[in-house]
Amino acid sequence: QVQLVESGGGLAQPGGSLRLSCAASGSISSIYCMRWYRQVPGQQREFVAQIMSAGSTTYSNSVKGRFTVSRDNATNTSYLQMNSLRPEDTAVYYCRALTMRGDYWGQGTQVTVSS
């Protein structure tokens, strides 16, 4: 079992920045990939970024060049640094941990980009 707790959401102005955190606990050694998604009410959950255990990263085209995903193995935390935020980045952001025995989701954190 893996437990994920997210934090760092809030209100940002267009062009601003926020950093989301996803702290993992439990069977953390089994995690081979951490992913970030976002969801707007009434729409499907959208892939944002991922980081593999070896450190390779992948981004959706909509955030490439603006968002950076990272992980701190010492604290078992994944981060999503979001820069140059746009109103269309407004959503609930979720982290997801992939393991060989299944995958786990965080509770989500609201990000609102508005002036």
N, C-alpha and C. Protein backbone atom coordinates (compact mmCIF):
# COMPACT_ATOMS: atom_id res chain seq x y z
N GLN A 1 0.83 -1.20 0.00
CA GLN A 1 0.00 0.00 0.00
C GLN A 1 0.87 1.24 0.00
N VAL A 2 0.41 2.23 -0.72
CA VAL A 2 1.09 3.53 -0.77
C VAL A 2 0.06 4.61 -0.46
N GLN A 3 0.45 5.52 0.39
CA GLN A 3 -0.41 6.67 0.69
C GLN A 3 0.25 7.93 0.12
N LEU A 4 -0.56 8.77 -0.48
CA LEU A 4 -0.08 10.00 -1.10
C LEU A 4 -0.83 11.20 -0.51
N VAL A 5 -0.08 12.20 -0.10
CA VAL A 5 -0.68 13.42 0.43
C VAL A 5 -0.15 14.61 -0.37
N GLU A 6 -1.06 15.34 -0.97
CA GLU A 6 -0.68 16.48 -1.79
C GLU A 6 -0.85 17.78 -1.03
N SER A 7 -0.06 18.75 -1.44
CA SER A 7 -0.17 20.08 -0.86
C SER A 7 0.39 21.10 -1.85
N GLY A 8 0.14 22.37 -1.56
CA GLY A 8 0.75 23.43 -2.36
C GLY A 8 -0.17 24.14 -3.32
N GLY A 9 -1.40 23.68 -3.44
CA GLY A 9 -2.32 24.36 -4.34
C GLY A 9 -2.74 25.71 -3.78
N GLY A 10 -3.45 26.46 -4.58
CA GLY A 10 -3.92 27.76 -4.15
C GLY A 10 -4.22 28.66 -5.32
N LEU A 11 -4.20 29.95 -5.04
CA LEU A 11 -4.51 30.95 -6.06
C LEU A 11 -3.23 31.61 -6.54
N ALA A 12 -3.09 31.73 -7.85
CA ALA A 12 -1.95 32.41 -8.45
C ALA A 12 -2.44 33.33 -9.55
N GLN A 13 -1.71 34.37 -9.79
CA GLN A 13 -2.03 35.28 -10.88
C GLN A 13 -1.46 34.74 -12.19
N PRO A 14 -2.04 35.10 -13.30
CA PRO A 14 -1.44 34.71 -14.58
C PRO A 14 0.01 35.16 -14.66
N GLY A 15 0.86 34.24 -15.11
CA GLY A 15 2.29 34.51 -15.14
C GLY A 15 3.02 34.13 -13.86
N GLY A 16 2.25 33.78 -12.84
CA GLY A 16 2.85 33.43 -11.56
C GLY A 16 3.28 31.98 -11.48
N SER A 17 3.66 31.59 -10.27
CA SER A 17 4.18 30.25 -10.03
C SER A 17 3.55 29.63 -8.79
N LEU A 18 3.50 28.32 -8.80
CA LEU A 18 3.12 27.52 -7.64
C LEU A 18 3.95 26.24 -7.68
N ARG A 19 4.16 25.67 -6.51
CA ARG A 19 4.82 24.38 -6.45
C ARG A 19 3.93 23.41 -5.67
N LEU A 20 3.59 22.32 -6.31
CA LEU A 20 2.81 21.27 -5.67
C LEU A 20 3.74 20.20 -5.13
N SER A 21 3.33 19.60 -4.02
CA SER A 21 4.09 18.51 -3.42
C SER A 21 3.20 17.28 -3.30
N CYS A 22 3.81 16.13 -3.41
CA CYS A 22 3.11 14.86 -3.23
C CYS A 22 4.01 13.97 -2.38
N ALA A 23 3.66 13.83 -1.11
CA ALA A 23 4.46 13.04 -0.18
C ALA A 23 3.94 11.61 -0.13
N ALA A 24 4.82 10.66 -0.35
CA ALA A 24 4.45 9.25 -0.36
C ALA A 24 4.90 8.57 0.92
N SER A 25 4.09 7.64 1.39
CA SER A 25 4.45 6.81 2.54
C SER A 25 3.92 5.41 2.29
N GLY A 26 4.40 4.47 3.09
CA GLY A 26 4.01 3.07 2.90
C GLY A 26 5.07 2.31 2.12
N SER A 27 4.64 1.54 1.16
CA SER A 27 5.56 0.70 0.36
C SER A 27 6.21 1.53 -0.75
N ILE A 28 6.96 2.53 -0.35
CA ILE A 28 7.49 3.49 -1.32
C ILE A 28 8.56 2.89 -2.21
N SER A 29 9.23 1.84 -1.76
CA SER A 29 10.28 1.24 -2.59
C SER A 29 9.71 0.59 -3.84
N SER A 30 8.41 0.34 -3.84
CA SER A 30 7.78 -0.30 -4.99
C SER A 30 7.35 0.68 -6.07
N ILE A 31 7.48 1.99 -5.80
CA ILE A 31 7.04 3.00 -6.76
C ILE A 31 8.07 3.12 -7.88
N TYR A 32 7.64 2.92 -9.13
CA TYR A 32 8.57 3.07 -10.25
C TYR A 32 8.26 4.31 -11.08
N CYS A 33 7.11 4.92 -10.82
CA CYS A 33 6.76 6.11 -11.59
C CYS A 33 5.82 6.98 -10.77
N MET A 34 6.05 8.29 -10.81
CA MET A 34 5.13 9.23 -10.20
C MET A 34 4.57 10.10 -11.32
N ARG A 35 3.24 10.20 -11.36
CA ARG A 35 2.58 11.00 -12.39
C ARG A 35 1.74 12.09 -11.78
N TRP A 36 1.58 13.16 -12.53
CA TRP A 36 0.69 14.25 -12.17
C TRP A 36 -0.40 14.37 -13.25
N TYR A 37 -1.62 14.58 -12.76
CA TYR A 37 -2.76 14.78 -13.64
C TYR A 37 -3.51 16.02 -13.17
N ARG A 38 -4.42 16.48 -14.00
CA ARG A 38 -5.32 17.56 -13.58
C ARG A 38 -6.69 17.33 -14.18
N GLN A 39 -7.68 17.90 -13.50
CA GLN A 39 -9.06 17.69 -13.94
C GLN A 39 -9.88 18.94 -13.69
N VAL A 40 -10.61 19.32 -14.72
CA VAL A 40 -11.56 20.42 -14.64
C VAL A 40 -12.95 19.81 -14.54
N PRO A 41 -13.82 20.37 -13.72
CA PRO A 41 -15.18 19.79 -13.59
C PRO A 41 -15.83 19.60 -14.95
N GLY A 42 -16.38 18.39 -15.14
CA GLY A 42 -17.06 18.09 -16.39
C GLY A 42 -16.16 17.60 -17.49
N GLN A 43 -14.84 17.54 -17.21
CA GLN A 43 -13.91 17.07 -18.22
C GLN A 43 -13.13 15.86 -17.70
N GLN A 44 -12.51 15.13 -18.63
CA GLN A 44 -11.71 13.98 -18.24
C GLN A 44 -10.41 14.42 -17.56
N ARG A 45 -9.92 13.54 -16.71
CA ARG A 45 -8.63 13.80 -16.07
C ARG A 45 -7.54 13.77 -17.14
N GLU A 46 -6.65 14.76 -17.07
CA GLU A 46 -5.63 14.95 -18.11
C GLU A 46 -4.24 14.71 -17.55
N PHE A 47 -3.44 13.96 -18.28
CA PHE A 47 -2.05 13.74 -17.91
C PHE A 47 -1.27 15.04 -18.02
N VAL A 48 -0.42 15.31 -17.02
CA VAL A 48 0.38 16.52 -17.02
C VAL A 48 1.86 16.21 -17.16
N ALA A 49 2.36 15.33 -16.28
CA ALA A 49 3.80 15.06 -16.28
C ALA A 49 4.06 13.78 -15.50
N GLN A 50 5.23 13.19 -15.74
CA GLN A 50 5.65 12.03 -14.97
C GLN A 50 7.15 12.03 -14.79
N ILE A 51 7.57 11.32 -13.73
CA ILE A 51 8.99 11.10 -13.51
C ILE A 51 9.18 9.65 -13.11
N MET A 52 10.10 8.99 -13.79
CA MET A 52 10.38 7.60 -13.52
C MET A 52 11.38 7.50 -12.37
N SER A 53 11.52 6.31 -11.80
CA SER A 53 12.44 6.11 -10.68
C SER A 53 13.88 6.42 -11.08
N ALA A 54 14.21 6.22 -12.33
CA ALA A 54 15.56 6.52 -12.81
C ALA A 54 15.75 8.00 -13.12
N GLY A 55 14.66 8.76 -13.07
CA GLY A 55 14.78 10.21 -13.23
C GLY A 55 14.30 10.79 -14.54
N SER A 56 13.97 9.94 -15.51
CA SER A 56 13.51 10.48 -16.79
C SER A 56 12.12 11.10 -16.62
N THR A 57 11.86 12.14 -17.40
CA THR A 57 10.62 12.89 -17.27
C THR A 57 9.90 12.99 -18.61
N THR A 58 8.59 13.15 -18.53
CA THR A 58 7.74 13.34 -19.70
C THR A 58 6.69 14.38 -19.36
N TYR A 59 6.35 15.23 -20.34
CA TYR A 59 5.38 16.29 -20.12
C TYR A 59 4.34 16.31 -21.23
N SER A 60 3.15 16.76 -20.89
CA SER A 60 2.17 17.01 -21.93
C SER A 60 2.58 18.26 -22.70
N ASN A 61 2.12 18.36 -23.92
CA ASN A 61 2.49 19.52 -24.73
C ASN A 61 1.99 20.83 -24.12
N SER A 62 0.88 20.75 -23.40
CA SER A 62 0.29 21.97 -22.85
C SER A 62 1.12 22.58 -21.72
N VAL A 63 2.00 21.81 -21.10
CA VAL A 63 2.78 22.35 -19.99
C VAL A 63 4.27 22.33 -20.24
N LYS A 64 4.69 21.71 -21.33
CA LYS A 64 6.12 21.58 -21.62
C LYS A 64 6.78 22.95 -21.68
N GLY A 65 7.90 23.07 -21.00
CA GLY A 65 8.61 24.34 -20.95
C GLY A 65 8.17 25.27 -19.83
N ARG A 66 7.04 24.95 -19.19
CA ARG A 66 6.54 25.78 -18.09
C ARG A 66 6.54 25.03 -16.76
N PHE A 67 6.28 23.74 -16.80
CA PHE A 67 6.21 22.93 -15.59
C PHE A 67 7.43 22.03 -15.51
N THR A 68 7.85 21.74 -14.28
CA THR A 68 8.96 20.84 -14.05
C THR A 68 8.59 19.85 -12.96
N VAL A 69 8.72 18.58 -13.26
CA VAL A 69 8.45 17.54 -12.27
C VAL A 69 9.79 17.04 -11.72
N SER A 70 9.81 16.77 -10.43
CA SER A 70 11.02 16.28 -9.79
C SER A 70 10.64 15.38 -8.63
N ARG A 71 11.63 14.72 -8.07
CA ARG A 71 11.38 13.88 -6.90
C ARG A 71 12.59 13.94 -5.98
N ASP A 72 12.30 13.90 -4.70
CA ASP A 72 13.33 13.89 -3.68
C ASP A 72 13.25 12.52 -3.01
N ASN A 73 14.19 11.67 -3.30
CA ASN A 73 14.15 10.32 -2.76
C ASN A 73 14.37 10.30 -1.25
N ALA A 74 15.05 11.30 -0.73
CA ALA A 74 15.31 11.34 0.71
C ALA A 74 14.03 11.56 1.51
N THR A 75 13.10 12.33 0.93
CA THR A 75 11.85 12.62 1.63
C THR A 75 10.66 11.93 0.99
N ASN A 76 10.91 11.14 -0.07
CA ASN A 76 9.84 10.41 -0.76
C ASN A 76 8.74 11.34 -1.25
N THR A 77 9.17 12.45 -1.81
CA THR A 77 8.23 13.48 -2.25
C THR A 77 8.47 13.82 -3.72
N SER A 78 7.38 13.94 -4.45
CA SER A 78 7.46 14.43 -5.81
C SER A 78 6.95 15.86 -5.84
N TYR A 79 7.55 16.67 -6.70
CA TYR A 79 7.17 18.07 -6.81
C TYR A 79 6.76 18.39 -8.24
N LEU A 80 5.83 19.32 -8.36
CA LEU A 80 5.48 19.85 -9.67
C LEU A 80 5.62 21.37 -9.57
N GLN A 81 6.70 21.88 -10.14
CA GLN A 81 6.93 23.31 -10.17
C GLN A 81 6.23 23.88 -11.40
N MET A 82 5.30 24.80 -11.16
CA MET A 82 4.48 25.35 -12.24
C MET A 82 4.80 26.83 -12.39
N ASN A 83 5.38 27.20 -13.50
CA ASN A 83 5.73 28.59 -13.80
C ASN A 83 4.90 29.10 -14.98
N SER A 84 4.91 30.39 -15.15
CA SER A 84 4.18 31.02 -16.27
C SER A 84 2.74 30.51 -16.33
N LEU A 85 2.10 30.49 -15.21
CA LEU A 85 0.75 29.93 -15.12
C LEU A 85 -0.24 30.73 -15.96
N ARG A 86 -1.20 30.00 -16.48
CA ARG A 86 -2.26 30.57 -17.33
C ARG A 86 -3.61 30.24 -16.73
N PRO A 87 -4.63 31.02 -17.03
CA PRO A 87 -5.97 30.70 -16.51
C PRO A 87 -6.42 29.28 -16.89
N GLU A 88 -6.01 28.78 -18.03
CA GLU A 88 -6.41 27.44 -18.43
C GLU A 88 -5.69 26.34 -17.66
N ASP A 89 -4.75 26.70 -16.80
CA ASP A 89 -4.12 25.73 -15.90
C ASP A 89 -4.99 25.48 -14.66
N THR A 90 -6.05 26.24 -14.50
CA THR A 90 -6.94 26.07 -13.36
C THR A 90 -7.57 24.68 -13.38
N ALA A 91 -7.40 23.94 -12.30
CA ALA A 91 -7.90 22.56 -12.21
C ALA A 91 -7.59 22.01 -10.83
N VAL A 92 -8.12 20.84 -10.57
CA VAL A 92 -7.67 20.06 -9.42
C VAL A 92 -6.53 19.17 -9.91
N TYR A 93 -5.42 19.23 -9.21
CA TYR A 93 -4.22 18.47 -9.59
C TYR A 93 -4.07 17.26 -8.67
N TYR A 94 -3.79 16.12 -9.30
CA TYR A 94 -3.65 14.86 -8.58
C TYR A 94 -2.28 14.25 -8.87
N CYS A 95 -1.72 13.61 -7.86
CA CYS A 95 -0.54 12.79 -8.12
C CYS A 95 -0.96 11.32 -8.08
N ARG A 96 -0.17 10.52 -8.76
CA ARG A 96 -0.45 9.09 -8.87
C ARG A 96 0.87 8.35 -8.79
N ALA A 97 0.89 7.31 -7.99
CA ALA A 97 2.08 6.47 -7.86
C ALA A 97 1.81 5.12 -8.52
N LEU A 98 2.72 4.73 -9.40
CA LEU A 98 2.58 3.44 -10.08
C LEU A 98 3.54 2.43 -9.45
N THR A 99 3.01 1.27 -9.09
CA THR A 99 3.82 0.20 -8.54
C THR A 99 3.49 -1.08 -9.29
N MET A 100 4.28 -2.11 -9.06
CA MET A 100 4.03 -3.39 -9.72
C MET A 100 2.74 -4.05 -9.21
N ARG A 101 2.27 -3.61 -8.06
CA ARG A 101 1.07 -4.21 -7.48
C ARG A 101 -0.17 -3.36 -7.68
N GLY A 102 -0.03 -2.25 -8.34
CA GLY A 102 -1.18 -1.39 -8.56
C GLY A 102 -0.79 0.06 -8.53
N ASP A 103 -1.77 0.93 -8.67
CA ASP A 103 -1.46 2.35 -8.62
C ASP A 103 -2.34 3.05 -7.60
N TYR A 104 -1.86 4.18 -7.11
CA TYR A 104 -2.48 4.90 -6.01
C TYR A 104 -2.57 6.38 -6.35
N TRP A 105 -3.63 7.01 -5.84
CA TRP A 105 -3.89 8.41 -6.13
C TRP A 105 -3.88 9.24 -4.86
N GLY A 106 -3.45 10.49 -5.02
CA GLY A 106 -3.60 11.45 -3.95
C GLY A 106 -5.01 12.01 -3.94
N GLN A 107 -5.27 12.88 -2.97
CA GLN A 107 -6.63 13.40 -2.79
C GLN A 107 -6.94 14.59 -3.69
N GLY A 108 -5.91 15.15 -4.29
CA GLY A 108 -6.09 16.29 -5.17
C GLY A 108 -5.90 17.61 -4.45
N THR A 109 -5.44 18.60 -5.18
CA THR A 109 -5.28 19.94 -4.63
C THR A 109 -5.69 20.95 -5.70
N GLN A 110 -6.46 21.95 -5.28
CA GLN A 110 -7.01 22.92 -6.23
C GLN A 110 -5.98 23.97 -6.59
N VAL A 111 -5.84 24.21 -7.88
CA VAL A 111 -5.02 25.31 -8.40
C VAL A 111 -5.93 26.24 -9.18
N THR A 112 -5.93 27.50 -8.81
CA THR A 112 -6.74 28.51 -9.51
C THR A 112 -5.82 29.62 -9.99
N VAL A 113 -5.89 29.89 -11.28
CA VAL A 113 -5.08 30.96 -11.87
C VAL A 113 -6.03 32.05 -12.34
N SER A 114 -5.96 33.17 -11.65
CA SER A 114 -6.89 34.25 -11.95
C SER A 114 -6.32 35.57 -11.46
N SER A 115 -6.66 36.64 -12.15
CA SER A 115 -6.25 37.96 -11.71
C SER A 115 -7.35 38.60 -10.87
